[in-house]
PDB file of N, CA and C in Angstrom:
ATOM      1  N   UNK A   1     -33.836   8.105 -18.130  1.00  0.00           N
ATOM      2  CA  UNK A   1     -33.062   7.304 -17.302  1.00  0.00           C
ATOM      3  C   UNK A   1     -31.683   7.459 -17.565  1.00  0.00           C
ATOM      4  N   UNK A   2     -30.753   7.935 -18.518  1.00  0.00           N
ATOM      5  CA  UNK A   2     -29.712   8.015 -18.765  1.00  0.00           C
ATOM      6  C   UNK A   2     -29.089   9.453 -18.354  1.00  0.00           C
ATOM      7  N   UNK A   3     -30.152   9.955 -18.867  1.00  0.00           N
ATOM      8  CA  UNK A   3     -29.909  11.095 -18.242  1.00  0.00           C
ATOM      9  C   UNK A   3     -29.734  11.989 -16.471  1.00  0.00           C
ATOM     10  N   UNK A   4     -30.672  10.722 -16.009  1.00  0.00           N
ATOM     11  CA  UNK A   4     -30.763  11.259 -14.871  1.00  0.00           C
ATOM     12  C   UNK A   4     -29.709  10.564 -14.020  1.00  0.00           C
ATOM     13  N   UNK A   5     -28.819   9.397 -14.636  1.00  0.00           N
ATOM     14  CA  UNK A   5     -27.700   8.786 -14.049  1.00  0.00           C
ATOM     15  C   UNK A   5     -26.285   9.620 -14.320  1.00  0.00           C
ATOM     16  N   UNK A   6     -26.113  10.570 -15.448  1.00  0.00           N
ATOM     17  CA  UNK A   6     -25.417  11.269 -15.759  1.00  0.00           C
ATOM     18  C   UNK A   6     -25.242  12.706 -15.060  1.00  0.00           C
ATOM     19  N   UNK A   7     -26.455  13.247 -14.561  1.00  0.00           N
ATOM     20  CA  UNK A   7     -26.745  14.032 -13.416  1.00  0.00           C
ATOM     21  C   UNK A   7     -26.436  13.664 -12.009  1.00  0.00           C
ATOM     22  N   UNK A   8     -26.574  12.677 -12.007  1.00  0.00           N
ATOM     23  CA  UNK A   8     -26.573  12.316 -10.093  1.00  0.00           C
ATOM     24  C   UNK A   8     -24.672  12.063 -10.357  1.00  0.00           C
ATOM     25  N   UNK A   9     -24.065  11.423 -11.390  1.00  0.00           N
ATOM     26  CA  UNK A   9     -22.860  11.415 -11.224  1.00  0.00           C
ATOM     27  C   UNK A   9     -21.904  12.424 -11.118  1.00  0.00           C
ATOM     28  N   UNK A  10     -22.570  13.525 -11.687  1.00  0.00           N
ATOM     29  CA  UNK A  10     -21.952  15.290 -12.113  1.00  0.00           C
ATOM     30  C   UNK A  10     -22.214  15.838 -10.589  1.00  0.00           C
ATOM     31  N   UNK A  11     -23.517  15.498  -9.759  1.00  0.00           N
ATOM     32  CA  UNK A  11     -23.379  16.331  -8.326  1.00  0.00           C
ATOM     33  C   UNK A  11     -22.507  15.460  -7.567  1.00  0.00           C
ATOM     34  N   UNK A  12     -22.381  14.453  -7.762  1.00  0.00           N
ATOM     35  CA  UNK A  12     -21.428  13.801  -6.636  1.00  0.00           C
ATOM     36  C   UNK A  12     -20.157  14.097  -6.938  1.00  0.00           C
ATOM     37  N   UNK A  13     -19.375  14.147  -8.295  1.00  0.00           N
ATOM     38  CA  UNK A  13     -18.143  15.040  -8.428  1.00  0.00           C
ATOM     39  C   UNK A  13     -18.279  16.594  -8.060  1.00  0.00           C
ATOM     40  N   UNK A  14     -18.847  17.024  -7.998  1.00  0.00           N
ATOM     41  CA  UNK A  14     -19.222  18.415  -7.701  1.00  0.00           C
ATOM     42  C   UNK A  14     -19.274  18.642  -6.236  1.00  0.00           C
ATOM     43  N   UNK A  15     -20.073  17.859  -5.491  1.00  0.00           N
ATOM     44  CA  UNK A  15     -19.495  17.380  -3.924  1.00  0.00           C
ATOM     45  C   UNK A  15     -18.623  17.363  -3.855  1.00  0.00           C
ATOM     46  N   UNK A  16     -17.851  16.536  -3.948  1.00  0.00           N
ATOM     47  CA  UNK A  16     -16.311  15.482  -3.851  1.00  0.00           C
ATOM     48  C   UNK A  16     -15.240  16.604  -3.963  1.00  0.00           C
ATOM     49  N   UNK A  17     -15.478  17.446  -5.157  1.00  0.00           N
ATOM     50  CA  UNK A  17     -14.660  18.677  -5.445  1.00  0.00           C
ATOM     51  C   UNK A  17     -14.524  19.709  -4.368  1.00  0.00           C
ATOM     52  N   UNK A  18     -15.805  19.773  -4.129  1.00  0.00           N
ATOM     53  CA  UNK A  18     -15.893  21.266  -2.774  1.00  0.00           C
ATOM     54  C   UNK A  18     -15.592  20.642  -1.500  1.00  0.00           C
ATOM     55  N   UNK A  19     -15.733  19.346  -1.237  1.00  0.00           N
ATOM     56  CA  UNK A  19     -14.967  19.031  -0.056  1.00  0.00           C
ATOM     57  C   UNK A  19     -13.859  18.920   0.119  1.00  0.00           C
ATOM     58  N   UNK A  20     -13.163  18.342  -0.996  1.00  0.00           N
ATOM     59  CA  UNK A  20     -11.484  18.613  -1.024  1.00  0.00           C
ATOM     60  C   UNK A  20     -11.284  19.991  -1.121  1.00  0.00           C
ATOM     61  N   UNK A  21     -11.632  20.915  -1.884  1.00  0.00           N
ATOM     62  CA  UNK A  21     -11.365  22.260  -1.579  1.00  0.00           C
ATOM     63  C   UNK A  21     -11.435  23.050  -0.439  1.00  0.00           C
ATOM     64  N   UNK A  22     -12.429  22.854  -0.078  1.00  0.00           N
ATOM     65  CA  UNK A  22     -12.179  23.098   1.643  1.00  0.00           C
ATOM     66  C   UNK A  22     -11.304  22.866   2.213  1.00  0.00           C
ATOM     67  N   UNK A  23     -11.308  21.210   2.046  1.00  0.00           N
ATOM     68  CA  UNK A  23     -10.039  20.692   3.168  1.00  0.00           C
ATOM     69  C   UNK A  23      -8.566  20.955   2.830  1.00  0.00           C
ATOM     70  N   UNK A  24      -8.415  21.645   1.503  1.00  0.00           N
ATOM     71  CA  UNK A  24      -7.301  22.218   0.898  1.00  0.00           C
ATOM     72  C   UNK A  24      -7.097  23.681   1.914  1.00  0.00           C
ATOM     73  N   UNK A  25      -7.925  24.286   1.721  1.00  0.00           N
ATOM     74  CA  UNK A  25      -7.860  25.969   2.370  1.00  0.00           C
ATOM     75  C   UNK A  25      -7.656  25.459   3.880  1.00  0.00           C
ATOM     76  N   UNK A  26      -8.856  24.732   4.394  1.00  0.00           N
ATOM     77  CA  UNK A  26      -8.244  24.315   6.013  1.00  0.00           C
ATOM     78  C   UNK A  26      -6.792  24.150   6.281  1.00  0.00           C
ATOM     79  N   UNK A  27      -6.509  23.496   5.396  1.00  0.00           N
ATOM     80  CA  UNK A  27      -4.985  22.943   5.988  1.00  0.00           C
ATOM     81  C   UNK A  27      -4.249  24.071   5.486  1.00  0.00           C
ATOM     82  N   UNK A  28      -4.057  24.455   4.269  1.00  0.00           N
ATOM     83  CA  UNK A  28      -3.508  26.326   4.254  1.00  0.00           C
ATOM     84  C   UNK A  28      -3.783  26.722   5.450  1.00  0.00           C
ATOM     85  N   UNK A  29      -5.055  27.311   6.104  1.00  0.00           N
ATOM     86  CA  UNK A  29      -5.063  28.424   7.181  1.00  0.00           C
ATOM     87  C   UNK A  29      -4.478  27.930   8.187  1.00  0.00           C
ATOM     88  N   UNK A  30      -4.432  26.080   8.416  1.00  0.00           N
ATOM     89  CA  UNK A  30      -3.966  25.655   9.815  1.00  0.00           C
ATOM     90  C   UNK A  30      -2.263  25.252   9.682  1.00  0.00           C
ATOM     91  N   UNK A  31      -1.610  25.148   8.569  1.00  0.00           N
ATOM     92  CA  UNK A  31      -0.092  25.424   8.703  1.00  0.00           C
ATOM     93  C   UNK A  31       0.476  26.453   8.852  1.00  0.00           C
ATOM     94  N   UNK A  32       1.611  26.632   9.557  1.00  0.00           N
ATOM     95  CA  UNK A  32       2.023  27.810  10.114  1.00  0.00           C
ATOM     96  C   UNK A  32       2.862  28.310   8.907  1.00  0.00           C
ATOM     97  N   UNK A  33       3.218  29.483   8.595  1.00  0.00           N
ATOM     98  CA  UNK A  33       4.202  29.841   7.478  1.00  0.00           C
ATOM     99  C   UNK A  33       5.494  29.755   7.460  1.00  0.00           C
ATOM    100  N   UNK A  34       6.140  29.688   8.345  1.00  0.00           N
ATOM    101  CA  UNK A  34       7.332  29.133   8.933  1.00  0.00           C
ATOM    102  C   UNK A  34       7.495  28.183   9.499  1.00  0.00           C
ATOM    103  N   UNK A  35       8.114  26.813   8.703  1.00  0.00           N
ATOM    104  CA  UNK A  35       8.098  25.337   8.725  1.00  0.00           C
ATOM    105  C   UNK A  35       8.901  25.536   9.912  1.00  0.00           C
ATOM    106  N   UNK A  36       9.257  24.851  11.162  1.00  0.00           N
ATOM    107  CA  UNK A  36      10.255  24.305  11.685  1.00  0.00           C
ATOM    108  C   UNK A  36      10.096  22.952  11.615  1.00  0.00           C
ATOM    109  N   UNK A  37      11.333  22.447  12.024  1.00  0.00           N
ATOM    110  CA  UNK A  37      11.672  20.948  12.364  1.00  0.00           C
ATOM    111  C   UNK A  37      11.118  20.419  13.508  1.00  0.00           C
ATOM    112  N   UNK A  38      10.403  19.255  13.776  1.00  0.00           N
ATOM    113  CA  UNK A  38       9.724  18.317  14.780  1.00  0.00           C
ATOM    114  C   UNK A  38      10.134  17.324  14.305  1.00  0.00           C
ATOM    115  N   UNK A  39       9.747  16.597  15.984  1.00  0.00           N
ATOM    116  CA  UNK A  39       9.898  14.928  15.667  1.00  0.00           C
ATOM    117  C   UNK A  39       8.626  14.035  16.521  1.00  0.00           C
ATOM    118  N   UNK A  40       8.249  13.266  15.639  1.00  0.00           N
ATOM    119  CA  UNK A  40       7.261  12.568  16.357  1.00  0.00           C
ATOM    120  C   UNK A  40       7.838  11.329  16.781  1.00  0.00           C
ATOM    121  N   UNK A  41       7.715  11.148  18.228  1.00  0.00           N
ATOM    122  CA  UNK A  41       7.999  10.323  19.102  1.00  0.00           C
ATOM    123  C   UNK A  41       7.478   9.002  19.329  1.00  0.00           C
ATOM    124  N   UNK A  42       7.566   7.381  18.982  1.00  0.00           N
ATOM    125  CA  UNK A  42       6.833   6.308  18.992  1.00  0.00           C
ATOM    126  C   UNK A  42       7.149   5.570  20.085  1.00  0.00           C
ATOM    127  N   UNK A  43       6.913   5.532  21.689  1.00  0.00           N
ATOM    128  CA  UNK A  43       7.621   4.827  22.158  1.00  0.00           C
ATOM    129  C   UNK A  43       7.155   3.121  22.059  1.00  0.00           C
ATOM    130  N   UNK A  44       8.212   2.009  22.156  1.00  0.00           N
ATOM    131  CA  UNK A  44       7.423   0.580  22.071  1.00  0.00           C
ATOM    132  C   UNK A  44       8.043  -0.011  22.865  1.00  0.00           C
ATOM    133  N   UNK A  45       7.627  -1.090  23.452  1.00  0.00           N
ATOM    134  CA  UNK A  45       8.137  -2.168  24.221  1.00  0.00           C
ATOM    135  C   UNK A  45       7.961  -3.374  23.956  1.00  0.00           C
ATOM    136  N   UNK A  46       7.838  -4.376  24.435  1.00  0.00           N
ATOM    137  CA  UNK A  46       7.459  -5.827  24.475  1.00  0.00           C
ATOM    138  C   UNK A  46       6.207  -6.083  23.906  1.00  0.00           C
ATOM    139  N   UNK A  47       5.609  -5.187  24.315  1.00  0.00           N
ATOM    140  CA  UNK A  47       3.827  -5.768  24.131  1.00  0.00           C
ATOM    141  C   UNK A  47       3.514  -5.025  23.274  1.00  0.00           C
ATOM    142  N   UNK A  48       4.291  -3.823  22.607  1.00  0.00           N
ATOM    143  CA  UNK A  48       3.802  -3.360  21.244  1.00  0.00           C
ATOM    144  C   UNK A  48       3.947  -4.085  19.962  1.00  0.00           C
ATOM    145  N   UNK A  49       2.932  -4.226  19.280  1.00  0.00           N
ATOM    146  CA  UNK A  49       2.787  -4.675  17.985  1.00  0.00           C
ATOM    147  C   UNK A  49       2.836  -4.504  16.593  1.00  0.00           C
ATOM    148  N   UNK A  50       3.399  -4.784  15.553  1.00  0.00           N
ATOM    149  CA  UNK A  50       3.284  -4.163  14.453  1.00  0.00           C
ATOM    150  C   UNK A  50       3.903  -2.316  14.338  1.00  0.00           C
ATOM    151  N   UNK A  51       5.329  -2.116  15.468  1.00  0.00           N
ATOM    152  CA  UNK A  51       5.585  -0.938  15.505  1.00  0.00           C
ATOM    153  C   UNK A  51       6.359  -0.274  14.316  1.00  0.00           C
ATOM    154  N   UNK A  52       6.769  -1.564  13.214  1.00  0.00           N
ATOM    155  CA  UNK A  52       7.273  -1.080  12.056  1.00  0.00           C
ATOM    156  C   UNK A  52       6.193  -0.351  10.791  1.00  0.00           C
ATOM    157  N   UNK A  53       4.864  -0.780  11.125  1.00  0.00           N
ATOM    158  CA  UNK A  53       3.617  -0.661  10.794  1.00  0.00           C
ATOM    159  C   UNK A  53       3.445   0.660  10.639  1.00  0.00           C
ATOM    160  N   UNK A  54       3.315   1.163  12.248  1.00  0.00           N
ATOM    161  CA  UNK A  54       3.314   2.281  12.655  1.00  0.00           C
ATOM    162  C   UNK A  54       3.692   3.276  12.304  1.00  0.00           C
ATOM    163  N   UNK A  55       5.233   3.112  12.203  1.00  0.00           N
ATOM    164  CA  UNK A  55       6.221   3.990  11.875  1.00  0.00           C
ATOM    165  C   UNK A  55       6.253   4.291  10.199  1.00  0.00           C
ATOM    166  N   UNK A  56       6.084   3.265   9.635  1.00  0.00           N
ATOM    167  CA  UNK A  56       6.238   3.735   8.291  1.00  0.00           C
ATOM    168  C   UNK A  56       4.824   4.049   7.680  1.00  0.00           C
ATOM    169  N   UNK A  57       3.729   3.681   8.657  1.00  0.00           N
ATOM    170  CA  UNK A  57       2.358   4.511   8.332  1.00  0.00           C
ATOM    171  C   UNK A  57       2.293   6.050   8.681  1.00  0.00           C
ATOM    172  N   UNK A  58       2.890   6.095   9.782  1.00  0.00           N
ATOM    173  CA  UNK A  58       3.103   7.986  10.314  1.00  0.00           C
ATOM    174  C   UNK A  58       4.048   8.431   9.301  1.00  0.00           C
ATOM    175  N   UNK A  59       5.195   8.047   8.491  1.00  0.00           N
ATOM    176  CA  UNK A  59       6.374   8.660   7.158  1.00  0.00           C
ATOM    177  C   UNK A  59       5.444   9.180   6.135  1.00  0.00           C
ATOM    178  N   UNK A  60       3.978   7.941   5.951  1.00  0.00           N
ATOM    179  CA  UNK A  60       3.743   8.039   4.596  1.00  0.00           C
ATOM    180  C   UNK A  60       2.621   9.063   4.851  1.00  0.00           C
ATOM    181  N   UNK A  61       1.833   9.025   6.064  1.00  0.00           N
ATOM    182  CA  UNK A  61       0.922  10.473   6.197  1.00  0.00           C
ATOM    183  C   UNK A  61       1.470  11.918   6.025  1.00  0.00           C
ATOM    184  N   UNK A  62       2.983  11.839   6.745  1.00  0.00           N
ATOM    185  CA  UNK A  62       3.754  12.967   6.661  1.00  0.00           C
ATOM    186  C   UNK A  62       3.955  13.643   5.122  1.00  0.00           C
ATOM    187  N   UNK A  63       4.432  12.055   4.358  1.00  0.00           N
ATOM    188  CA  UNK A  63       4.509  12.695   3.080  1.00  0.00           C
ATOM    189  C   UNK A  63       3.219  13.283   2.139  1.00  0.00           C
ATOM    190  N   UNK A  64       2.261  12.595   2.715  1.00  0.00           N
ATOM    191  CA  UNK A  64       1.255  13.449   1.980  1.00  0.00           C
ATOM    192  C   UNK A  64       0.941  14.865   2.551  1.00  0.00           C
ATOM    193  N   UNK A  65       1.134  15.572   3.191  1.00  0.00           N
ATOM    194  CA  UNK A  65       0.887  16.486   3.769  1.00  0.00           C
ATOM    195  C   UNK A  65       2.270  17.089   3.412  1.00  0.00           C
ATOM    196  N   UNK A  66       3.142  16.820   2.922  1.00  0.00           N
ATOM    197  CA  UNK A  66       4.229  17.805   2.286  1.00  0.00           C
ATOM    198  C   UNK A  66       5.231  17.999   3.440  1.00  0.00           C
ATOM    199  N   UNK A  67       5.050  17.226   4.898  1.00  0.00           N
ATOM    200  CA  UNK A  67       5.672  17.500   5.897  1.00  0.00           C
ATOM    201  C   UNK A  67       7.450  16.705   5.864  1.00  0.00           C
ATOM    202  N   UNK A  68       7.725  16.083   4.881  1.00  0.00           N
ATOM    203  CA  UNK A  68       8.421  15.004   4.808  1.00  0.00           C
ATOM    204  C   UNK A  68      10.080  15.684   5.402  1.00  0.00           C
ATOM    205  N   UNK A  69      10.318  16.679   4.761  1.00  0.00           N
ATOM    206  CA  UNK A  69      11.464  17.316   4.915  1.00  0.00           C
ATOM    207  C   UNK A  69      11.630  18.050   6.525  1.00  0.00           C
ATOM    208  N   UNK A  70      10.483  18.767   7.041  1.00  0.00           N
ATOM    209  CA  UNK A  70      10.447  19.206   8.180  1.00  0.00           C
ATOM    210  C   UNK A  70      10.008  18.220   9.691  1.00  0.00           C
ATOM    211  N   UNK A  71       9.893  16.805   9.632  1.00  0.00           N
ATOM    212  CA  UNK A  71       9.193  15.847  10.034  1.00  0.00           C
ATOM    213  C   UNK A  71      10.672  14.873  10.096  1.00  0.00           C
ATOM    214  N   UNK A  72      10.778  14.032  11.796  1.00  0.00           N
ATOM    215  CA  UNK A  72      11.276  12.792  11.537  1.00  0.00           C
ATOM    216  C   UNK A  72      11.057  12.183  12.580  1.00  0.00           C
ATOM    217  N   UNK A  73      10.586  10.808  12.619  1.00  0.00           N
ATOM    218  CA  UNK A  73       9.887   9.922  13.218  1.00  0.00           C
ATOM    219  C   UNK A  73      11.030   9.241  14.057  1.00  0.00           C
ATOM    220  N   UNK A  74      10.731   9.356  15.418  1.00  0.00           N
ATOM    221  CA  UNK A  74      11.779   8.425  16.385  1.00  0.00           C
ATOM    222  C   UNK A  74      10.978   7.257  16.462  1.00  0.00           C
ATOM    223  N   UNK A  75      11.648   6.019  16.744  1.00  0.00           N
ATOM    224  CA  UNK A  75      10.880   4.937  17.484  1.00  0.00           C
ATOM    225  C   UNK A  75      12.029   5.030  18.340  1.00  0.00           C
ATOM    226  N   UNK A  76      11.327   4.677  19.643  1.00  0.00           N
ATOM    227  CA  UNK A  76      11.896   4.822  20.930  1.00  0.00           C
ATOM    228  C   UNK A  76      11.710   3.342  21.566  1.00  0.00           C
ATOM    229  N   UNK A  77      13.035   2.739  21.517  1.00  0.00           N
ATOM    230  CA  UNK A  77      13.031   1.099  22.134  1.00  0.00           C
ATOM    231  C   UNK A  77      13.125   1.353  23.856  1.00  0.00           C
ATOM    232  N   UNK A  78      11.807   0.469  24.260  1.00  0.00           N
ATOM    233  CA  UNK A  78      12.079   0.584  25.634  1.00  0.00           C
ATOM    234  C   UNK A  78      12.024  -1.220  25.649  1.00  0.00           C
ATOM    235  N   UNK A  79      12.599  -2.242  24.647  1.00  0.00           N
ATOM    236  CA  UNK A  79      12.689  -3.108  24.956  1.00  0.00           C
ATOM    237  C   UNK A  79      11.848  -4.122  23.610  1.00  0.00           C
ATOM    238  N   UNK A  80      12.065  -3.925  22.781  1.00  0.00           N
ATOM    239  CA  UNK A  80      11.176  -4.354  21.652  1.00  0.00           C
ATOM    240  C   UNK A  80      12.018  -5.710  21.549  1.00  0.00           C
ATOM    241  N   UNK A  81      11.480  -6.970  20.729  1.00  0.00           N
ATOM    242  CA  UNK A  81      12.154  -8.064  20.498  1.00  0.00           C
ATOM    243  C   UNK A  81      12.881  -7.927  19.523  1.00  0.00           C
ATOM    244  N   UNK A  82      13.582  -9.187  19.382  1.00  0.00           N
ATOM    245  CA  UNK A  82      14.669  -8.772  18.528  1.00  0.00           C
ATOM    246  C   UNK A  82      14.150  -9.158  16.806  1.00  0.00           C
ATOM    247  N   UNK A  83      13.371  -9.849  16.955  1.00  0.00           N
ATOM    248  CA  UNK A  83      12.943  -9.916  15.115  1.00  0.00           C
ATOM    249  C   UNK A  83      12.012  -8.664  14.921  1.00  0.00           C
ATOM    250  N   UNK A  84      11.165  -8.003  15.513  1.00  0.00           N
ATOM    251  CA  UNK A  84      10.615  -6.740  15.478  1.00  0.00           C
ATOM    252  C   UNK A  84      12.081  -5.508  15.272  1.00  0.00           C
ATOM    253  N   UNK A  85      12.366  -5.647  15.999  1.00  0.00           N
ATOM    254  CA  UNK A  85      13.753  -4.558  15.906  1.00  0.00           C
ATOM    255  C   UNK A  85      14.609  -4.868  14.490  1.00  0.00           C
ATOM    256  N   UNK A  86      14.885  -5.921  14.070  1.00  0.00           N
ATOM    257  CA  UNK A  86      15.557  -5.962  12.933  1.00  0.00           C
ATOM    258  C   UNK A  86      14.529  -5.622  11.430  1.00  0.00           C
ATOM    259  N   UNK A  87      13.069  -6.301  11.691  1.00  0.00           N
ATOM    260  CA  UNK A  87      12.369  -5.344  10.793  1.00  0.00           C
ATOM    261  C   UNK A  87      12.291  -3.765  10.827  1.00  0.00           C
ATOM    262  N   UNK A  88      12.545  -2.987  11.963  1.00  0.00           N
ATOM    263  CA  UNK A  88      12.322  -1.732  11.714  1.00  0.00           C
ATOM    264  C   UNK A  88      13.510  -1.160  11.293  1.00  0.00           C
ATOM    265  N   UNK A  89      14.921  -1.687  11.930  1.00  0.00           N
ATOM    266  CA  UNK A  89      16.231  -1.167  11.178  1.00  0.00           C
ATOM    267  C   UNK A  89      16.326  -1.313   9.589  1.00  0.00           C
ATOM    268  N   UNK A  90      15.535  -2.010   8.938  1.00  0.00           N
ATOM    269  CA  UNK A  90      15.184  -2.581   7.646  1.00  0.00           C
ATOM    270  C   UNK A  90      14.950  -1.376   7.183  1.00  0.00           C
ATOM    271  N   UNK A  91      13.574  -0.904   7.677  1.00  0.00           N
ATOM    272  CA  UNK A  91      12.777   0.167   7.134  1.00  0.00           C
ATOM    273  C   UNK A  91      13.128   1.822   7.566  1.00  0.00           C
ATOM    274  N   UNK A  92      14.263   1.249   8.390  1.00  0.00           N
ATOM    275  CA  UNK A  92      14.987   2.965   8.727  1.00  0.00           C
ATOM    276  C   UNK A  92      16.125   3.108   7.820  1.00  0.00           C
ATOM    277  N   UNK A  93      16.556   1.747   7.114  1.00  0.00           N
ATOM    278  CA  UNK A  93      17.325   1.668   6.042  1.00  0.00           C
ATOM    279  C   UNK A  93      16.594   2.516   4.936  1.00  0.00           C
ATOM    280  N   UNK A  94      15.611   2.254   4.607  1.00  0.00           N
ATOM    281  CA  UNK A  94      15.105   2.469   3.221  1.00  0.00           C
ATOM    282  C   UNK A  94      14.218   3.613   3.373  1.00  0.00           C
ATOM    283  N   UNK A  95      13.539   3.266   4.287  1.00  0.00           N
ATOM    284  CA  UNK A  95      12.766   5.595   4.427  1.00  0.00           C
ATOM    285  C   UNK A  95      13.556   6.547   5.605  1.00  0.00           C
ATOM    286  N   UNK A  96      13.462   7.304   4.366  1.00  0.00           N
ATOM    287  CA  UNK A  96      14.605   8.815   5.117  1.00  0.00           C
ATOM    288  C   UNK A  96      13.317   9.155   6.128  1.00  0.00           C
ATOM    289  N   UNK A  97      14.205   9.319   7.041  1.00  0.00           N
ATOM    290  CA  UNK A  97      13.337   9.802   8.142  1.00  0.00           C
ATOM    291  C   UNK A  97      12.478   9.349   9.125  1.00  0.00           C
ATOM    292  N   UNK A  98      12.978   8.139   9.316  1.00  0.00           N
ATOM    293  CA  UNK A  98      12.410   7.021  10.420  1.00  0.00           C
ATOM    294  C   UNK A  98      13.591   6.880  11.461  1.00  0.00           C
ATOM    295  N   UNK A  99      14.353   7.071  12.516  1.00  0.00           N
ATOM    296  CA  UNK A  99      15.047   6.809  13.281  1.00  0.00           C
ATOM    297  C   UNK A  99      14.780   5.924  14.657  1.00  0.00           C
ATOM    298  N   UNK A 100      15.534   4.875  14.949  1.00  0.00           N
ATOM    299  CA  UNK A 100      15.523   4.000  15.649  1.00  0.00           C
ATOM    300  C   UNK A 100      16.681   4.240  16.765  1.00  0.00           C
ATOM    301  N   UNK A 101      15.699   4.587  18.193  1.00  0.00           N
ATOM    302  CA  UNK A 101      16.633   4.988  19.101  1.00  0.00           C
ATOM    303  C   UNK A 101      16.171   4.205  20.560  1.00  0.00           C
ATOM    304  N   UNK A 102      17.531   4.011  21.078  1.00  0.00           N
ATOM    305  CA  UNK A 102      17.097   3.018  22.342  1.00  0.00           C
ATOM    306  C   UNK A 102      17.082   4.131  23.443  1.00  0.00           C
ATOM    307  N   UNK A 103      16.264   3.728  24.469  1.00  0.00           N
ATOM    308  CA  UNK A 103      15.655   4.733  25.550  1.00  0.00           C
ATOM    309  C   UNK A 103      17.165   5.605  26.545  1.00  0.00           C
ATOM    310  N   UNK A 104      18.082   4.972  26.395  1.00  0.00           N
ATOM    311  CA  UNK A 104      19.176   5.537  27.382  1.00  0.00           C
ATOM    312  C   UNK A 104      19.816   6.376  26.497  1.00  0.00           C
ATOM    313  N   UNK A 105      20.058   6.838  25.250  1.00  0.00           N
ATOM    314  CA  UNK A 105      20.798   7.471  24.257  1.00  0.00           C
ATOM    315  C   UNK A 105      19.952   8.834  24.461  1.00  0.00           C
ATOM    316  N   UNK A 106      18.234   8.590  24.077  1.00  0.00           N
ATOM    317  CA  UNK A 106      17.297   9.781  24.268  1.00  0.00           C
ATOM    318  C   UNK A 106      17.454  10.587  25.557  1.00  0.00           C
ATOM    319  N   UNK A 107      17.720   9.931  26.568  1.00  0.00           N
ATOM    320  CA  UNK A 107      18.068  10.913  27.750  1.00  0.00           C
ATOM    321  C   UNK A 107      19.387  11.236  27.605  1.00  0.00           C
ATOM    322  N   UNK A 108      20.256  10.632  27.269  1.00  0.00           N
ATOM    323  CA  UNK A 108      21.537  11.290  27.136  1.00  0.00           C
ATOM    324  C   UNK A 108      21.586  12.398  26.091  1.00  0.00           C
ATOM    325  N   UNK A 109      20.790  12.597  25.381  1.00  0.00           N
ATOM    326  CA  UNK A 109      20.873  13.417  23.675  1.00  0.00           C
ATOM    327  C   UNK A 109      20.126  14.851  24.440  1.00  0.00           C
ATOM    328  N   UNK A 110      18.894  14.644  25.690  1.00  0.00           N
ATOM    329  CA  UNK A 110      18.020  15.566  25.600  1.00  0.00           C
ATOM    330  C   UNK A 110      18.513  16.029  27.514  1.00  0.00           C
ATOM    331  N   UNK A 111      19.201  15.710  27.908  1.00  0.00           N
ATOM    332  CA  UNK A 111      19.667  16.046  29.340  1.00  0.00           C
ATOM    333  C   UNK A 111      20.607  17.807  29.136  1.00  0.00           C
ATOM    334  N   UNK A 112      21.433  17.536  28.120  1.00  0.00           N
ATOM    335  CA  UNK A 112      21.998  18.993  27.695  1.00  0.00           C
ATOM    336  C   UNK A 112      21.343  20.151  27.249  1.00  0.00           C
ATOM    337  N   UNK A 113      19.814  19.954  26.603  1.00  0.00           N
ATOM    338  CA  UNK A 113      18.944  20.392  25.741  1.00  0.00           C
ATOM    339  C   UNK A 113      18.077  21.519  26.560  1.00  0.00           C
ATOM    340  N   UNK A 114      17.665  20.321  27.913  1.00  0.00           N
ATOM    341  CA  UNK A 114      16.522  20.591  28.679  1.00  0.00           C
ATOM    342  C   UNK A 114      16.653  21.729  29.700  1.00  0.00           C
TER     343      UNK A 114
END
C-alpha cells in the first residue's frame, strides 16, 4: 500500500518535471535572440474597473518571464475616475515600468514618430 503511494507520487513528479521542461524549451525557442524594447498599452475609461490590478498583474507576468528590462506598461487614460487614478499613480511610483499617460500626450508623442 505504502509502496504504491510512493510510486504514484514519484510518477506525478516525473510528469510535472517533464511538462515544465517542455515549457522551458518552448519559451527558449519562441523568444528572439536579440531583445528589443516594447510597450504594452492598456486603454482605460470610466467603465474600466480594477485597472490598477490589470497593470500590476501584467507587470508581474512580464517579470516572471524575465522581460522586465525590455518591457514597459503604459496605462492610457481616456477619462478614469479620480479614485482609480490615485491608486494607479501609487502603483506607478512603487513599480518600475508602469506608466500613466493621458490620451492627449500620447498623440503628441507619436505624431513625430509615425
